Amino acid sequence: RGTDENAVKRILDVFPKPYRPSGGE
């Protein structure tokens, strides 16, 4: 909530790594 839709879409493209996305994400 409150996050730009494009920012959420960028998370979808990420391959998980130890520090990316963040722990909360």
PDB file of all heavy atoms in Angstrom:
ATOM      1  N   ARG A   1       0.823  -1.208   0.000  1.00  0.00           N
ATOM      2  CA  ARG A   1       0.000   0.000   0.000  1.00  0.00           C
ATOM      3  C   ARG A   1       0.861   1.263   0.000  1.00  0.00           C
ATOM      4  O   ARG A   1       1.820   1.384   0.765  1.00  0.00           O
ATOM      5  CB  ARG A   1      -0.907   0.025   1.228  1.00  0.00           C
ATOM      6  CG  ARG A   1      -1.948   1.126   1.192  1.00  0.00           C
ATOM      7  CD  ARG A   1      -2.677   1.245   2.495  1.00  0.00           C
ATOM      8  NE  ARG A   1      -1.805   1.770   3.554  1.00  0.00           N
ATOM      9  CZ  ARG A   1      -2.217   2.107   4.770  1.00  0.00           C
ATOM     10  NH1 ARG A   1      -3.475   1.930   5.091  1.00  0.00           N
ATOM     11  NH2 ARG A   1      -1.388   2.590   5.662  1.00  0.00           N
ATOM     12  N   GLY A   2       0.500   2.205  -0.860  1.00  0.00           N
ATOM     13  CA  GLY A   2       1.230   3.469  -0.916  1.00  0.00           C
ATOM     14  C   GLY A   2       2.459   3.413  -1.790  1.00  0.00           C
ATOM     15  O   GLY A   2       3.155   4.418  -1.967  1.00  0.00           O
ATOM     16  N   THR A   3       2.759   2.222  -2.359  1.00  0.00           N
ATOM     17  CA  THR A   3       3.929   2.082  -3.231  1.00  0.00           C
ATOM     18  C   THR A   3       3.502   2.238  -4.674  1.00  0.00           C
ATOM     19  O   THR A   3       2.453   1.753  -5.098  1.00  0.00           O
ATOM     20  CB  THR A   3       4.591   0.705  -3.027  1.00  0.00           C
ATOM     21  OG1 THR A   3       4.928   0.557  -1.648  1.00  0.00           O
ATOM     22  CG2 THR A   3       5.855   0.571  -3.852  1.00  0.00           C
ATOM     23  N   ASP A   4       4.345   2.905  -5.458  1.00  0.00           N
ATOM     24  CA  ASP A   4       4.065   3.101  -6.874  1.00  0.00           C
ATOM     25  C   ASP A   4       3.948   1.743  -7.577  1.00  0.00           C
ATOM     26  O   ASP A   4       4.715   0.816  -7.319  1.00  0.00           O
ATOM     27  CB  ASP A   4       5.193   3.926  -7.504  1.00  0.00           C
ATOM     28  CG  ASP A   4       4.970   4.133  -8.980  1.00  0.00           C
ATOM     29  OD1 ASP A   4       4.140   4.991  -9.332  1.00  0.00           O
ATOM     30  OD2 ASP A   4       5.625   3.435  -9.771  1.00  0.00           O
ATOM     31  N   GLU A   5       2.972   1.619  -8.487  1.00  0.00           N
ATOM     32  CA  GLU A   5       2.740   0.354  -9.176  1.00  0.00           C
ATOM     33  C   GLU A   5       3.965  -0.103  -9.946  1.00  0.00           C
ATOM     34  O   GLU A   5       4.277  -1.293 -10.017  1.00  0.00           O
ATOM     35  CB  GLU A   5       1.546   0.499 -10.132  1.00  0.00           C
ATOM     36  CG  GLU A   5       1.136  -0.811 -10.789  1.00  0.00           C
ATOM     37  CD  GLU A   5      -0.132  -0.656 -11.604  1.00  0.00           C
ATOM     38  OE1 GLU A   5      -0.864   0.334 -11.407  1.00  0.00           O
ATOM     39  OE2 GLU A   5      -0.401  -1.540 -12.445  1.00  0.00           O
ATOM     40  N   ASN A   6       4.708   0.841 -10.508  1.00  0.00           N
ATOM     41  CA  ASN A   6       5.926   0.484 -11.251  1.00  0.00           C
ATOM     42  C   ASN A   6       6.996  -0.087 -10.326  1.00  0.00           C
ATOM     43  O   ASN A   6       7.771  -0.963 -10.729  1.00  0.00           O
ATOM     44  CB  ASN A   6       6.470   1.700 -11.998  1.00  0.00           C
ATOM     45  CG  ASN A   6       5.573   2.108 -13.151  1.00  0.00           C
ATOM     46  OD1 ASN A   6       4.956   1.252 -13.792  1.00  0.00           O
ATOM     47  ND2 ASN A   6       5.488   3.401 -13.420  1.00  0.00           N
ATOM     48  N   ALA A   7       7.046   0.412  -9.071  1.00  0.00           N
ATOM     49  CA  ALA A   7       8.012  -0.117  -8.113  1.00  0.00           C
ATOM     50  C   ALA A   7       7.699  -1.569  -7.781  1.00  0.00           C
ATOM     51  O   ALA A   7       8.600  -2.394  -7.635  1.00  0.00           O
ATOM     52  CB  ALA A   7       8.009   0.728  -6.839  1.00  0.00           C
ATOM     53  N   VAL A   8       6.406  -1.889  -7.674  1.00  0.00           N
ATOM     54  CA  VAL A   8       6.010  -3.268  -7.421  1.00  0.00           C
ATOM     55  C   VAL A   8       6.368  -4.144  -8.615  1.00  0.00           C
ATOM     56  O   VAL A   8       6.861  -5.268  -8.454  1.00  0.00           O
ATOM     57  CB  VAL A   8       4.501  -3.353  -7.120  1.00  0.00           C
ATOM     58  CG1 VAL A   8       4.053  -4.809  -6.986  1.00  0.00           C
ATOM     59  CG2 VAL A   8       4.171  -2.592  -5.836  1.00  0.00           C
ATOM     60  N   LYS A   9       6.157  -3.635  -9.818  1.00  0.00           N
ATOM     61  CA  LYS A   9       6.500  -4.404 -11.022  1.00  0.00           C
ATOM     62  C   LYS A   9       7.995  -4.689 -11.086  1.00  0.00           C
ATOM     63  O   LYS A   9       8.410  -5.766 -11.537  1.00  0.00           O
ATOM     64  CB  LYS A   9       6.051  -3.638 -12.279  1.00  0.00           C
ATOM     65  CG  LYS A   9       4.546  -3.620 -12.486  1.00  0.00           C
ATOM     66  CD  LYS A   9       4.172  -2.860 -13.750  1.00  0.00           C
ATOM     67  CE  LYS A   9       2.668  -2.864 -13.959  1.00  0.00           C
ATOM     68  NZ  LYS A   9       2.269  -2.083 -15.165  1.00  0.00           N
ATOM     69  N   ARG A  10       8.811  -3.741 -10.624  1.00  0.00           N
ATOM     70  CA  ARG A  10      10.258  -3.966 -10.641  1.00  0.00           C
ATOM     71  C   ARG A  10      10.641  -5.104  -9.690  1.00  0.00           C
ATOM     72  O   ARG A  10      11.570  -5.869  -9.965  1.00  0.00           O
ATOM     73  CB  ARG A  10      11.005  -2.683 -10.265  1.00  0.00           C
ATOM     74  CG  ARG A  10      11.017  -1.632 -11.377  1.00  0.00           C
ATOM     75  CD  ARG A  10      12.020  -0.527 -11.101  1.00  0.00           C
ATOM     76  NE  ARG A  10      11.648   0.283  -9.961  1.00  0.00           N
ATOM     77  CZ  ARG A  10      10.873   1.370 -10.046  1.00  0.00           C
ATOM     78  NH1 ARG A  10      10.368   1.743 -11.223  1.00  0.00           N
ATOM     79  NH2 ARG A  10      10.584   2.075  -8.972  1.00  0.00           N
ATOM     80  N   ILE A  11       9.933  -5.228  -8.577  1.00  0.00           N
ATOM     81  CA  ILE A  11      10.200  -6.325  -7.642  1.00  0.00           C
ATOM     82  C   ILE A  11       9.921  -7.664  -8.314  1.00  0.00           C
ATOM     83  O   ILE A  11      10.645  -8.641  -8.100  1.00  0.00           O
ATOM     84  CB  ILE A  11       9.342  -6.164  -6.368  1.00  0.00           C
ATOM     85  CG1 ILE A  11       9.801  -4.951  -5.569  1.00  0.00           C
ATOM     86  CG2 ILE A  11       9.401  -7.420  -5.495  1.00  0.00           C
ATOM     87  CD1 ILE A  11       8.911  -4.606  -4.395  1.00  0.00           C
ATOM     88  N   LEU A  12       8.893  -7.720  -9.163  1.00  0.00           N
ATOM     89  CA  LEU A  12       8.524  -8.972  -9.832  1.00  0.00           C
ATOM     90  C   LEU A  12       9.625  -9.485 -10.747  1.00  0.00           C
ATOM     91  O   LEU A  12       9.723 -10.693 -10.990  1.00  0.00           O
ATOM     92  CB  LEU A  12       7.234  -8.777 -10.634  1.00  0.00           C
ATOM     93  CG  LEU A  12       5.975  -8.433  -9.831  1.00  0.00           C
ATOM     94  CD1 LEU A  12       4.802  -8.199 -10.768  1.00  0.00           C
ATOM     95  CD2 LEU A  12       5.644  -9.533  -8.846  1.00  0.00           C
ATOM     96  N   ASP A  13      10.483  -8.598 -11.236  1.00  0.00           N
ATOM     97  CA  ASP A  13      11.555  -8.999 -12.148  1.00  0.00           C
ATOM     98  C   ASP A  13      12.816  -9.474 -11.421  1.00  0.00           C
ATOM     99  O   ASP A  13      13.737  -9.987 -12.049  1.00  0.00           O
ATOM    100  CB  ASP A  13      11.937  -7.822 -13.061  1.00  0.00           C
ATOM    101  CG  ASP A  13      10.812  -7.463 -14.031  1.00  0.00           C
ATOM    102  OD1 ASP A  13      10.033  -8.369 -14.386  1.00  0.00           O
ATOM    103  OD2 ASP A  13      10.717  -6.282 -14.416  1.00  0.00           O
ATOM    104  N   VAL A  14      12.842  -9.330 -10.108  1.00  0.00           N
ATOM    105  CA  VAL A  14      14.053  -9.624  -9.334  1.00  0.00           C
ATOM    106  C   VAL A  14      14.227 -11.131  -9.137  1.00  0.00           C
ATOM    107  O   VAL A  14      13.267 -11.857  -8.881  1.00  0.00           O
ATOM    108  CB  VAL A  14      13.987  -8.921  -7.960  1.00  0.00           C
ATOM    109  CG1 VAL A  14      15.122  -9.396  -7.044  1.00  0.00           C
ATOM    110  CG2 VAL A  14      14.063  -7.409  -8.140  1.00  0.00           C
ATOM    111  N   PHE A  15      15.489 -11.593  -9.252  1.00  0.00           N
ATOM    112  CA  PHE A  15      15.860 -12.941  -8.851  1.00  0.00           C
ATOM    113  C   PHE A  15      16.334 -12.840  -7.399  1.00  0.00           C
ATOM    114  O   PHE A  15      17.280 -12.089  -7.115  1.00  0.00           O
ATOM    115  CB  PHE A  15      16.973 -13.490  -9.739  1.00  0.00           C
ATOM    116  CG  PHE A  15      16.523 -13.816 -11.140  1.00  0.00           C
ATOM    117  CD1 PHE A  15      16.379 -12.820 -12.089  1.00  0.00           C
ATOM    118  CD2 PHE A  15      16.226 -15.128 -11.494  1.00  0.00           C
ATOM    119  CE1 PHE A  15      15.962 -13.112 -13.383  1.00  0.00           C
ATOM    120  CE2 PHE A  15      15.806 -15.434 -12.782  1.00  0.00           C
ATOM    121  CZ  PHE A  15      15.663 -14.424 -13.728  1.00  0.00           C
ATOM    122  N   PRO A  16      15.694 -13.557  -6.467  1.00  0.00           N
ATOM    123  CA  PRO A  16      16.015 -13.366  -5.044  1.00  0.00           C
ATOM    124  C   PRO A  16      17.483 -13.594  -4.721  1.00  0.00           C
ATOM    125  O   PRO A  16      18.100 -14.556  -5.175  1.00  0.00           O
ATOM    126  CB  PRO A  16      15.135 -14.417  -4.350  1.00  0.00           C
ATOM    127  CG  PRO A  16      14.052 -14.700  -5.307  1.00  0.00           C
ATOM    128  CD  PRO A  16      14.644 -14.559  -6.667  1.00  0.00           C
ATOM    129  N   LYS A  17      18.028 -12.688  -3.930  1.00  0.00           N
ATOM    130  CA  LYS A  17      19.388 -12.786  -3.421  1.00  0.00           C
ATOM    131  C   LYS A  17      19.329 -12.518  -1.919  1.00  0.00           C
ATOM    132  O   LYS A  17      18.296 -12.075  -1.403  1.00  0.00           O
ATOM    133  CB  LYS A  17      20.291 -11.768  -4.127  1.00  0.00           C
ATOM    134  CG  LYS A  17      20.484 -12.043  -5.616  1.00  0.00           C
ATOM    135  CD  LYS A  17      21.354 -10.973  -6.258  1.00  0.00           C
ATOM    136  CE  LYS A  17      21.617 -11.315  -7.733  1.00  0.00           C
ATOM    137  NZ  LYS A  17      20.381 -11.388  -8.515  1.00  0.00           N
ATOM    138  N   PRO A  18      20.432 -12.762  -1.189  1.00  0.00           N
ATOM    139  CA  PRO A  18      20.376 -12.586   0.269  1.00  0.00           C
ATOM    140  C   PRO A  18      19.842 -11.229   0.713  1.00  0.00           C
ATOM    141  O   PRO A  18      19.126 -11.142   1.699  1.00  0.00           O
ATOM    142  CB  PRO A  18      21.835 -12.798   0.699  1.00  0.00           C
ATOM    143  CG  PRO A  18      22.381 -13.739  -0.327  1.00  0.00           C
ATOM    144  CD  PRO A  18      21.719 -13.345  -1.622  1.00  0.00           C
ATOM    145  N   TYR A  19      20.190 -10.169  -0.014  1.00  0.00           N
ATOM    146  CA  TYR A  19      19.784  -8.837   0.437  1.00  0.00           C
ATOM    147  C   TYR A  19      18.899  -8.129  -0.588  1.00  0.00           C
ATOM    148  O   TYR A  19      18.730  -6.919  -0.525  1.00  0.00           O
ATOM    149  CB  TYR A  19      21.024  -7.990   0.746  1.00  0.00           C
ATOM    150  CG  TYR A  19      21.897  -8.621   1.802  1.00  0.00           C
ATOM    151  CD1 TYR A  19      23.076  -9.260   1.474  1.00  0.00           C
ATOM    152  CD2 TYR A  19      21.496  -8.613   3.132  1.00  0.00           C
ATOM    153  CE1 TYR A  19      23.864  -9.864   2.454  1.00  0.00           C
ATOM    154  CE2 TYR A  19      22.260  -9.208   4.117  1.00  0.00           C
ATOM    155  CZ  TYR A  19      23.450  -9.829   3.769  1.00  0.00           C
ATOM    156  OH  TYR A  19      24.207 -10.434   4.738  1.00  0.00           O
ATOM    157  N   ARG A  20      18.337  -8.876  -1.514  1.00  0.00           N
ATOM    158  CA  ARG A  20      17.458  -8.279  -2.509  1.00  0.00           C
ATOM    159  C   ARG A  20      16.458  -9.312  -2.979  1.00  0.00           C
ATOM    160  O   ARG A  20      16.886 -10.377  -3.438  1.00  0.00           O
ATOM    161  CB  ARG A  20      18.281  -7.758  -3.688  1.00  0.00           C
ATOM    162  CG  ARG A  20      17.443  -6.974  -4.708  1.00  0.00           C
ATOM    163  CD  ARG A  20      18.353  -6.274  -5.706  1.00  0.00           C
ATOM    164  NE  ARG A  20      17.555  -5.500  -6.635  1.00  0.00           N
ATOM    165  CZ  ARG A  20      17.437  -5.771  -7.944  1.00  0.00           C
ATOM    166  NH1 ARG A  20      18.085  -6.783  -8.460  1.00  0.00           N
ATOM    167  NH2 ARG A  20      16.701  -5.019  -8.722  1.00  0.00           N
ATOM    168  N   PRO A  21      15.170  -9.056  -2.868  1.00  0.00           N
ATOM    169  CA  PRO A  21      14.539  -7.914  -2.198  1.00  0.00           C
ATOM    170  C   PRO A  21      14.871  -7.885  -0.702  1.00  0.00           C
ATOM    171  O   PRO A  21      15.485  -8.818  -0.189  1.00  0.00           O
ATOM    172  CB  PRO A  21      13.038  -8.182  -2.402  1.00  0.00           C
ATOM    173  CG  PRO A  21      12.960  -9.167  -3.533  1.00  0.00           C
ATOM    174  CD  PRO A  21      14.177 -10.000  -3.403  1.00  0.00           C
ATOM    175  N   SER A  22      14.432  -6.832  -0.035  1.00  0.00           N
ATOM    176  CA  SER A  22      14.692  -6.706   1.396  1.00  0.00           C
ATOM    177  C   SER A  22      13.938  -7.795   2.159  1.00  0.00           C
ATOM    178  O   SER A  22      13.044  -8.453   1.625  1.00  0.00           O
ATOM    179  CB  SER A  22      14.258  -5.331   1.900  1.00  0.00           C
ATOM    180  OG  SER A  22      12.838  -5.225   1.894  1.00  0.00           O
ATOM    181  N   GLY A  23      14.298  -7.966   3.450  1.00  0.00           N
ATOM    182  CA  GLY A  23      13.622  -8.974   4.266  1.00  0.00           C
ATOM    183  C   GLY A  23      12.127  -8.747   4.345  1.00  0.00           C
ATOM    184  O   GLY A  23      11.331  -9.693   4.240  1.00  0.00           O
ATOM    185  N   GLY A  24      11.724  -7.489   4.521  1.00  0.00           N
ATOM    186  CA  GLY A  24      10.302  -7.177   4.595  1.00  0.00           C
ATOM    187  C   GLY A  24       9.589  -7.445   3.283  1.00  0.00           C
ATOM    188  O   GLY A  24       8.438  -7.911   3.266  1.00  0.00           O
ATOM    189  N   GLU A  25      10.245  -7.172   2.146  1.00  0.00           N
ATOM    190  CA  GLU A  25       9.636  -7.431   0.839  1.00  0.00           C
ATOM    191  C   GLU A  25       9.507  -8.933   0.587  1.00  0.00           C
ATOM    192  O   GLU A  25       8.487  -9.403   0.078  1.00  0.00           O
ATOM    193  CB  GLU A  25      10.472  -6.770  -0.253  1.00  0.00           C
ATOM    194  CG  GLU A  25      10.345  -5.262  -0.279  1.00  0.00           C
ATOM    195  CD  GLU A  25      11.302  -4.597  -1.253  1.00  0.00           C
ATOM    196  OE1 GLU A  25      12.382  -5.176  -1.524  1.00  0.00           O
ATOM    197  OE2 GLU A  25      10.978  -3.492  -1.731  1.00  0.00           O
TER     198      GLU A  25
END
